[in-house]
Amino acid sequence: MEDTYSASPREEKIVTSQCKIDLHIHSIASFSVDGDIVKNNTEQNLSKILLPALNKESINLAAITDHNTFSYSMYCAFKKLENKGSLKKVLPGIEFDLDFLGKDIHAIFVFDDSNELLVSQIESKVNKSEKDSKSHNCLSRGAISALVDSIGINFVVIVHQKTSIENSD
Protein backbone atom coordinates (compact mmCIF):
# COMPACT_ATOMS: atom_id res chain seq x y z
CA MET A 1 0.00 0.00 0.00
CA GLU A 2 1.37 3.37 -0.99
CA ASP A 3 1.80 6.05 1.64
CA THR A 4 -0.60 8.84 0.72
CA TYR A 5 0.49 11.32 3.36
CA SER A 6 2.55 14.23 2.18
CA ALA A 7 3.53 17.15 4.33
CA SER A 8 2.43 20.56 3.15
CA PRO A 9 5.28 22.98 2.47
CA ARG A 10 4.34 24.93 5.60
CA GLU A 11 4.58 21.95 7.98
CA GLU A 12 7.73 21.90 10.05
CA LYS A 13 8.97 18.44 10.95
CA ILE A 14 9.91 18.55 14.60
CA VAL A 15 10.94 14.93 14.97
CA THR A 16 12.84 13.59 11.98
CA SER A 17 14.25 10.43 13.55
CA GLN A 18 13.62 8.08 16.44
CA CYS A 19 13.37 9.92 19.73
CA LYS A 20 13.34 8.51 23.27
CA ILE A 21 11.32 10.54 25.76
CA ASP A 22 10.66 10.74 29.49
CA LEU A 23 7.80 13.07 30.37
CA HIS A 24 7.10 11.73 33.86
CA ILE A 25 9.95 13.03 36.02
CA HIS A 26 9.26 14.42 39.49
CA SER A 27 11.37 16.86 41.49
CA ILE A 28 11.48 17.99 45.10
CA ALA A 29 8.44 20.14 44.25
CA SER A 30 6.40 16.89 44.39
CA PHE A 31 7.65 16.07 47.91
CA SER A 32 4.18 16.41 49.48
CA VAL A 33 2.96 13.59 47.22
CA ASP A 34 6.08 11.49 46.61
CA GLY A 35 7.89 11.98 49.93
CA ASP A 36 11.47 10.78 50.28
CA ILE A 37 11.50 9.35 46.75
CA VAL A 38 12.19 12.85 45.38
CA LYS A 39 14.25 14.37 48.21
CA ASN A 40 17.42 14.40 46.07
CA ASN A 41 15.68 15.70 42.95
CA THR A 42 16.81 19.29 43.38
CA GLU A 43 18.13 21.91 40.98
CA GLN A 44 21.64 21.30 42.33
CA ASN A 45 21.41 17.59 41.51
CA LEU A 46 20.06 17.87 37.96
CA SER A 47 23.49 17.60 36.35
CA LYS A 48 24.81 15.11 38.94
CA ILE A 49 21.89 12.66 39.16
CA LEU A 50 19.19 13.25 36.54
CA LEU A 51 21.31 14.03 33.48
CA PRO A 52 23.54 10.93 33.84
CA ALA A 53 20.42 8.75 34.29
CA LEU A 54 18.82 10.23 31.17
CA ASN A 55 22.03 9.84 29.17
CA LYS A 56 22.39 6.22 30.32
CA GLU A 57 18.95 5.52 28.81
CA SER A 58 19.67 7.69 25.73
CA ILE A 59 16.72 9.99 26.47
CA ASN A 60 16.44 12.78 23.91
CA LEU A 61 13.41 14.74 25.14
CA ALA A 62 12.28 15.19 28.75
CA ALA A 63 10.01 17.18 31.04
CA ILE A 64 9.78 17.51 34.79
CA THR A 65 6.08 17.07 35.51
CA ASP A 66 5.53 17.62 39.21
CA HIS A 67 2.19 17.03 40.90
CA ASN A 68 -0.09 20.06 40.54
CA THR A 69 2.77 22.53 40.47
CA PHE A 70 5.36 24.05 38.16
CA SER A 71 8.73 25.36 39.24
CA TYR A 72 10.01 27.83 36.70
CA SER A 73 13.45 27.88 38.31
CA MET A 74 13.64 24.05 38.14
CA TYR A 75 12.55 24.17 34.49
CA CYS A 76 15.20 26.80 33.66
CA ALA A 77 17.93 24.81 35.42
CA PHE A 78 16.89 21.66 33.54
CA LYS A 79 16.64 23.58 30.24
CA LYS A 80 20.33 24.53 30.59
CA LEU A 81 21.19 20.83 30.26
CA GLU A 82 19.91 20.61 26.69
CA ASN A 83 22.53 19.24 24.29
CA LYS A 84 24.53 17.65 27.10
CA GLY A 85 24.85 14.06 25.97
CA SER A 86 21.69 12.54 24.50
CA LEU A 87 19.31 15.16 25.94
CA LYS A 88 18.31 17.46 23.06
CA LYS A 89 15.09 19.07 24.30
CA VAL A 90 13.51 19.96 27.65
CA LEU A 91 9.85 20.99 27.76
CA PRO A 92 7.75 22.53 30.53
CA GLY A 93 5.11 20.28 32.06
CA ILE A 94 2.83 19.49 35.01
CA GLU A 95 1.09 16.35 36.26
CA PHE A 96 -2.39 17.38 37.36
CA ASP A 97 -4.71 15.42 39.61
CA LEU A 98 -8.08 15.57 37.87
CA ASP A 99 -11.58 14.52 38.79
CA PHE A 100 -12.97 12.32 36.02
CA LEU A 101 -16.41 10.85 36.63
CA GLY A 102 -15.80 11.06 40.37
CA LYS A 103 -12.42 9.29 40.15
CA ASP A 104 -8.99 10.81 40.68
CA ILE A 105 -6.80 10.45 37.61
CA HIS A 106 -3.43 11.90 36.69
CA ALA A 107 -2.88 13.83 33.48
CA ILE A 108 0.52 14.94 32.28
CA PHE A 109 0.38 18.26 30.44
CA VAL A 110 3.45 19.05 28.34
CA PHE A 111 3.56 22.61 27.02
CA ASP A 112 5.07 24.24 23.96
CA ASP A 113 8.20 26.17 24.97
CA SER A 114 8.35 28.61 22.06
CA ASN A 115 7.11 31.62 24.06
CA GLU A 116 9.40 32.08 27.06
CA LEU A 117 7.27 34.85 28.54
CA LEU A 118 4.21 32.58 28.67
CA VAL A 119 6.27 29.72 30.09
CA SER A 120 7.58 32.03 32.83
CA GLN A 121 3.99 32.76 33.87
CA ILE A 122 2.85 29.13 34.26
CA GLU A 123 3.96 28.90 37.90
CA SER A 124 1.92 31.87 39.11
CA LYS A 125 -1.16 30.79 37.15
CA VAL A 126 -1.03 27.26 38.55
CA ASN A 127 -0.58 28.57 42.08
CA LYS A 128 -3.71 30.72 41.67
CA SER A 129 -5.86 27.84 40.33
CA GLU A 130 -8.82 26.68 42.37
CA LYS A 131 -8.97 23.05 43.50
CA ASP A 132 -12.36 21.40 43.87
CA SER A 133 -12.71 20.63 47.59
CA LYS A 134 -15.33 17.98 46.84
CA SER A 135 -12.90 15.84 44.86
CA HIS A 136 -9.81 15.53 47.09
CA ASN A 137 -8.01 18.63 45.77
CA CYS A 138 -8.36 17.44 42.20
CA LEU A 139 -9.14 19.90 39.46
CA SER A 140 -12.59 19.57 37.94
CA ARG A 141 -13.10 19.59 34.18
CA GLY A 142 -14.12 23.26 34.38
CA ALA A 143 -11.15 24.21 36.55
CA ILE A 144 -8.56 22.52 34.30
CA SER A 145 -10.16 24.10 31.23
CA ALA A 146 -10.01 27.54 32.83
CA LEU A 147 -6.43 27.00 33.96
CA VAL A 148 -5.03 25.86 30.59
CA ASP A 149 -6.96 28.66 28.89
CA SER A 150 -5.31 31.16 31.25
CA ILE A 151 -1.86 29.66 30.57
CA GLY A 152 -2.47 30.21 26.86
CA ILE A 153 0.11 27.75 25.55
CA ASN A 154 -0.45 24.79 23.23
CA PHE A 155 -0.10 21.48 25.05
CA VAL A 156 -0.28 17.72 24.78
CA VAL A 157 -2.06 15.68 27.48
CA ILE A 158 -1.21 12.12 28.50
CA VAL A 159 -3.67 10.61 30.96
CA HIS A 160 -2.71 7.73 33.21
CA GLN A 161 -4.09 6.02 36.26
CA LYS A 162 -2.96 3.26 38.56
CA THR A 163 -6.29 1.38 38.55
CA SER A 164 -9.23 0.99 36.23
CA ILE A 165 -11.71 3.86 36.14
CA GLU A 166 -14.40 1.25 36.96
CA ASN A 167 -12.59 0.28 40.17
CA SER A 168 -14.63 1.29 43.23
CA ASP A 169 -11.52 2.08 45.32
C-alpha atoms as a PDB file:
ATOM      1  CA  MET A   1       0.000   0.000   0.000  1.00  0.00           C
ATOM      2  CA  GLU A   2       1.374   3.367  -0.990  1.00  0.00           C
ATOM      3  CA  ASP A   3       1.803   6.051   1.643  1.00  0.00           C
ATOM      4  CA  THR A   4      -0.600   8.840   0.723  1.00  0.00           C
ATOM      5  CA  TYR A   5       0.487  11.323   3.362  1.00  0.00           C
ATOM      6  CA  SER A   6       2.547  14.231   2.177  1.00  0.00           C
ATOM      7  CA  ALA A   7       3.529  17.154   4.329  1.00  0.00           C
ATOM      8  CA  SER A   8       2.434  20.557   3.152  1.00  0.00           C
ATOM      9  CA  PRO A   9       5.283  22.975   2.467  1.00  0.00           C
ATOM     10  CA  ARG A  10       4.335  24.930   5.601  1.00  0.00           C
ATOM     11  CA  GLU A  11       4.583  21.949   7.985  1.00  0.00           C
ATOM     12  CA  GLU A  12       7.725  21.901  10.048  1.00  0.00           C
ATOM     13  CA  LYS A  13       8.967  18.444  10.954  1.00  0.00           C
ATOM     14  CA  ILE A  14       9.907  18.553  14.598  1.00  0.00           C
ATOM     15  CA  VAL A  15      10.937  14.925  14.972  1.00  0.00           C
ATOM     16  CA  THR A  16      12.842  13.591  11.980  1.00  0.00           C
ATOM     17  CA  SER A  17      14.252  10.434  13.548  1.00  0.00           C
ATOM     18  CA  GLN A  18      13.618   8.079  16.439  1.00  0.00           C
ATOM     19  CA  CYS A  19      13.371   9.925  19.733  1.00  0.00           C
ATOM     20  CA  LYS A  20      13.340   8.513  23.273  1.00  0.00           C
ATOM     21  CA  ILE A  21      11.317  10.538  25.757  1.00  0.00           C
ATOM     22  CA  ASP A  22      10.660  10.741  29.486  1.00  0.00           C
ATOM     23  CA  LEU A  23       7.803  13.074  30.373  1.00  0.00           C
ATOM     24  CA  HIS A  24       7.104  11.731  33.864  1.00  0.00           C
ATOM     25  CA  ILE A  25       9.952  13.033  36.024  1.00  0.00           C
ATOM     26  CA  HIS A  26       9.264  14.423  39.492  1.00  0.00           C
ATOM     27  CA  SER A  27      11.370  16.857  41.485  1.00  0.00           C
ATOM     28  CA  ILE A  28      11.482  17.994  45.097  1.00  0.00           C
ATOM     29  CA  ALA A  29       8.436  20.137  44.247  1.00  0.00           C
ATOM     30  CA  SER A  30       6.404  16.889  44.392  1.00  0.00           C
ATOM     31  CA  PHE A  31       7.651  16.070  47.911  1.00  0.00           C
ATOM     32  CA  SER A  32       4.183  16.412  49.481  1.00  0.00           C
ATOM     33  CA  VAL A  33       2.955  13.594  47.224  1.00  0.00           C
ATOM     34  CA  ASP A  34       6.083  11.494  46.610  1.00  0.00           C
ATOM     35  CA  GLY A  35       7.886  11.981  49.935  1.00  0.00           C
ATOM     36  CA  ASP A  36      11.469  10.778  50.277  1.00  0.00           C
ATOM     37  CA  ILE A  37      11.503   9.348  46.745  1.00  0.00           C
ATOM     38  CA  VAL A  38      12.191  12.847  45.379  1.00  0.00           C
ATOM     39  CA  LYS A  39      14.249  14.370  48.205  1.00  0.00           C
ATOM     40  CA  ASN A  40      17.425  14.396  46.065  1.00  0.00           C
ATOM     41  CA  ASN A  41      15.675  15.705  42.947  1.00  0.00           C
ATOM     42  CA  THR A  42      16.813  19.292  43.384  1.00  0.00           C
ATOM     43  CA  GLU A  43      18.132  21.914  40.977  1.00  0.00           C
ATOM     44  CA  GLN A  44      21.640  21.303  42.326  1.00  0.00           C
ATOM     45  CA  ASN A  45      21.407  17.587  41.512  1.00  0.00           C
ATOM     46  CA  LEU A  46      20.059  17.866  37.963  1.00  0.00           C
ATOM     47  CA  SER A  47      23.491  17.602  36.353  1.00  0.00           C
ATOM     48  CA  LYS A  48      24.809  15.106  38.935  1.00  0.00           C
ATOM     49  CA  ILE A  49      21.888  12.662  39.160  1.00  0.00           C
ATOM     50  CA  LEU A  50      19.186  13.250  36.538  1.00  0.00           C
ATOM     51  CA  LEU A  51      21.308  14.025  33.476  1.00  0.00           C
ATOM     52  CA  PRO A  52      23.538  10.927  33.837  1.00  0.00           C
ATOM     53  CA  ALA A  53      20.424   8.754  34.288  1.00  0.00           C
ATOM     54  CA  LEU A  54      18.815  10.229  31.166  1.00  0.00           C
ATOM     55  CA  ASN A  55      22.026   9.836  29.169  1.00  0.00           C
ATOM     56  CA  LYS A  56      22.391   6.217  30.319  1.00  0.00           C
ATOM     57  CA  GLU A  57      18.947   5.521  28.813  1.00  0.00           C
ATOM     58  CA  SER A  58      19.667   7.689  25.730  1.00  0.00           C
ATOM     59  CA  ILE A  59      16.719   9.987  26.474  1.00  0.00           C
ATOM     60  CA  ASN A  60      16.439  12.782  23.911  1.00  0.00           C
ATOM     61  CA  LEU A  61      13.411  14.743  25.137  1.00  0.00           C
ATOM     62  CA  ALA A  62      12.275  15.187  28.746  1.00  0.00           C
ATOM     63  CA  ALA A  63      10.010  17.181  31.037  1.00  0.00           C
ATOM     64  CA  ILE A  64       9.782  17.508  34.794  1.00  0.00           C
ATOM     65  CA  THR A  65       6.080  17.073  35.506  1.00  0.00           C
ATOM     66  CA  ASP A  66       5.535  17.625  39.209  1.00  0.00           C
ATOM     67  CA  HIS A  67       2.189  17.029  40.902  1.00  0.00           C
ATOM     68  CA  ASN A  68      -0.090  20.063  40.544  1.00  0.00           C
ATOM     69  CA  THR A  69       2.766  22.535  40.467  1.00  0.00           C
ATOM     70  CA  PHE A  70       5.357  24.046  38.157  1.00  0.00           C
ATOM     71  CA  SER A  71       8.728  25.357  39.243  1.00  0.00           C
ATOM     72  CA  TYR A  72      10.006  27.829  36.696  1.00  0.00           C
ATOM     73  CA  SER A  73      13.450  27.878  38.312  1.00  0.00           C
ATOM     74  CA  MET A  74      13.638  24.051  38.136  1.00  0.00           C
ATOM     75  CA  TYR A  75      12.548  24.169  34.493  1.00  0.00           C
ATOM     76  CA  CYS A  76      15.199  26.803  33.657  1.00  0.00           C
ATOM     77  CA  ALA A  77      17.934  24.809  35.417  1.00  0.00           C
ATOM     78  CA  PHE A  78      16.887  21.662  33.542  1.00  0.00           C
ATOM     79  CA  LYS A  79      16.638  23.580  30.243  1.00  0.00           C
ATOM     80  CA  LYS A  80      20.329  24.534  30.593  1.00  0.00           C
ATOM     81  CA  LEU A  81      21.189  20.831  30.259  1.00  0.00           C
ATOM     82  CA  GLU A  82      19.914  20.609  26.689  1.00  0.00           C
ATOM     83  CA  ASN A  83      22.533  19.243  24.288  1.00  0.00           C
ATOM     84  CA  LYS A  84      24.526  17.650  27.099  1.00  0.00           C
ATOM     85  CA  GLY A  85      24.846  14.065  25.966  1.00  0.00           C
ATOM     86  CA  SER A  86      21.690  12.539  24.501  1.00  0.00           C
ATOM     87  CA  LEU A  87      19.311  15.165  25.938  1.00  0.00           C
ATOM     88  CA  LYS A  88      18.312  17.455  23.056  1.00  0.00           C
ATOM     89  CA  LYS A  89      15.091  19.074  24.301  1.00  0.00           C
ATOM     90  CA  VAL A  90      13.511  19.956  27.654  1.00  0.00           C
ATOM     91  CA  LEU A  91       9.855  20.991  27.757  1.00  0.00           C
ATOM     92  CA  PRO A  92       7.752  22.529  30.531  1.00  0.00           C
ATOM     93  CA  GLY A  93       5.107  20.275  32.059  1.00  0.00           C
ATOM     94  CA  ILE A  94       2.832  19.485  35.006  1.00  0.00           C
ATOM     95  CA  GLU A  95       1.092  16.355  36.259  1.00  0.00           C
ATOM     96  CA  PHE A  96      -2.395  17.377  37.363  1.00  0.00           C
ATOM     97  CA  ASP A  97      -4.708  15.424  39.609  1.00  0.00           C
ATOM     98  CA  LEU A  98      -8.082  15.568  37.871  1.00  0.00           C
ATOM     99  CA  ASP A  99     -11.581  14.517  38.791  1.00  0.00           C
ATOM    100  CA  PHE A 100     -12.968  12.315  36.020  1.00  0.00           C
ATOM    101  CA  LEU A 101     -16.411  10.853  36.629  1.00  0.00           C
ATOM    102  CA  GLY A 102     -15.797  11.061  40.367  1.00  0.00           C
ATOM    103  CA  LYS A 103     -12.423   9.292  40.155  1.00  0.00           C
ATOM    104  CA  ASP A 104      -8.993  10.805  40.678  1.00  0.00           C
ATOM    105  CA  ILE A 105      -6.800  10.453  37.608  1.00  0.00           C
ATOM    106  CA  HIS A 106      -3.429  11.899  36.693  1.00  0.00           C
ATOM    107  CA  ALA A 107      -2.882  13.826  33.485  1.00  0.00           C
ATOM    108  CA  ILE A 108       0.521  14.941  32.284  1.00  0.00           C
ATOM    109  CA  PHE A 109       0.377  18.257  30.437  1.00  0.00           C
ATOM    110  CA  VAL A 110       3.451  19.052  28.339  1.00  0.00           C
ATOM    111  CA  PHE A 111       3.564  22.606  27.023  1.00  0.00           C
ATOM    112  CA  ASP A 112       5.070  24.242  23.956  1.00  0.00           C
ATOM    113  CA  ASP A 113       8.197  26.173  24.969  1.00  0.00           C
ATOM    114  CA  SER A 114       8.354  28.609  22.056  1.00  0.00           C
ATOM    115  CA  ASN A 115       7.109  31.624  24.058  1.00  0.00           C
ATOM    116  CA  GLU A 116       9.404  32.079  27.063  1.00  0.00           C
ATOM    117  CA  LEU A 117       7.268  34.853  28.540  1.00  0.00           C
ATOM    118  CA  LEU A 118       4.210  32.579  28.672  1.00  0.00           C
ATOM    119  CA  VAL A 119       6.274  29.715  30.095  1.00  0.00           C
ATOM    120  CA  SER A 120       7.583  32.033  32.826  1.00  0.00           C
ATOM    121  CA  GLN A 121       3.985  32.765  33.867  1.00  0.00           C
ATOM    122  CA  ILE A 122       2.854  29.126  34.262  1.00  0.00           C
ATOM    123  CA  GLU A 123       3.960  28.897  37.904  1.00  0.00           C
ATOM    124  CA  SER A 124       1.924  31.871  39.105  1.00  0.00           C
ATOM    125  CA  LYS A 125      -1.161  30.790  37.147  1.00  0.00           C
ATOM    126  CA  VAL A 126      -1.027  27.256  38.546  1.00  0.00           C
ATOM    127  CA  ASN A 127      -0.577  28.572  42.081  1.00  0.00           C
ATOM    128  CA  LYS A 128      -3.714  30.715  41.667  1.00  0.00           C
ATOM    129  CA  SER A 129      -5.855  27.844  40.331  1.00  0.00           C
ATOM    130  CA  GLU A 130      -8.825  26.682  42.370  1.00  0.00           C
ATOM    131  CA  LYS A 131      -8.969  23.055  43.501  1.00  0.00           C
ATOM    132  CA  ASP A 132     -12.356  21.396  43.875  1.00  0.00           C
ATOM    133  CA  SER A 133     -12.706  20.626  47.585  1.00  0.00           C
ATOM    134  CA  LYS A 134     -15.333  17.977  46.842  1.00  0.00           C
ATOM    135  CA  SER A 135     -12.895  15.840  44.855  1.00  0.00           C
ATOM    136  CA  HIS A 136      -9.811  15.534  47.095  1.00  0.00           C
ATOM    137  CA  ASN A 137      -8.007  18.631  45.773  1.00  0.00           C
ATOM    138  CA  CYS A 138      -8.357  17.441  42.203  1.00  0.00           C
ATOM    139  CA  LEU A 139      -9.139  19.896  39.462  1.00  0.00           C
ATOM    140  CA  SER A 140     -12.592  19.567  37.940  1.00  0.00           C
ATOM    141  CA  ARG A 141     -13.104  19.594  34.178  1.00  0.00           C
ATOM    142  CA  GLY A 142     -14.123  23.257  34.375  1.00  0.00           C
ATOM    143  CA  ALA A 143     -11.152  24.213  36.555  1.00  0.00           C
ATOM    144  CA  ILE A 144      -8.561  22.518  34.303  1.00  0.00           C
ATOM    145  CA  SER A 145     -10.158  24.101  31.232  1.00  0.00           C
ATOM    146  CA  ALA A 146     -10.014  27.544  32.834  1.00  0.00           C
ATOM    147  CA  LEU A 147      -6.429  26.996  33.955  1.00  0.00           C
ATOM    148  CA  VAL A 148      -5.033  25.863  30.595  1.00  0.00           C
ATOM    149  CA  ASP A 149      -6.965  28.663  28.889  1.00  0.00           C
ATOM    150  CA  SER A 150      -5.311  31.164  31.251  1.00  0.00           C
ATOM    151  CA  ILE A 151      -1.864  29.661  30.571  1.00  0.00           C
ATOM    152  CA  GLY A 152      -2.474  30.211  26.863  1.00  0.00           C
ATOM    153  CA  ILE A 153       0.113  27.748  25.554  1.00  0.00           C
ATOM    154  CA  ASN A 154      -0.449  24.788  23.228  1.00  0.00           C
ATOM    155  CA  PHE A 155      -0.101  21.480  25.047  1.00  0.00           C
ATOM    156  CA  VAL A 156      -0.277  17.718  24.783  1.00  0.00           C
ATOM    157  CA  VAL A 157      -2.061  15.681  27.479  1.00  0.00           C
ATOM    158  CA  ILE A 158      -1.215  12.123  28.499  1.00  0.00           C
ATOM    159  CA  VAL A 159      -3.675  10.607  30.959  1.00  0.00           C
ATOM    160  CA  HIS A 160      -2.705   7.733  33.215  1.00  0.00           C
ATOM    161  CA  GLN A 161      -4.086   6.019  36.262  1.00  0.00           C
ATOM    162  CA  LYS A 162      -2.960   3.257  38.556  1.00  0.00           C
ATOM    163  CA  THR A 163      -6.287   1.377  38.550  1.00  0.00           C
ATOM    164  CA  SER A 164      -9.228   0.986  36.229  1.00  0.00           C
ATOM    165  CA  ILE A 165     -11.713   3.864  36.142  1.00  0.00           C
ATOM    166  CA  GLU A 166     -14.400   1.254  36.956  1.00  0.00           C
ATOM    167  CA  ASN A 167     -12.588   0.278  40.170  1.00  0.00           C
ATOM    168  CA  SER A 168     -14.626   1.286  43.226  1.00  0.00           C
ATOM    169  CA  ASP A 169     -11.516   2.078  45.317  1.00  0.00           C
END
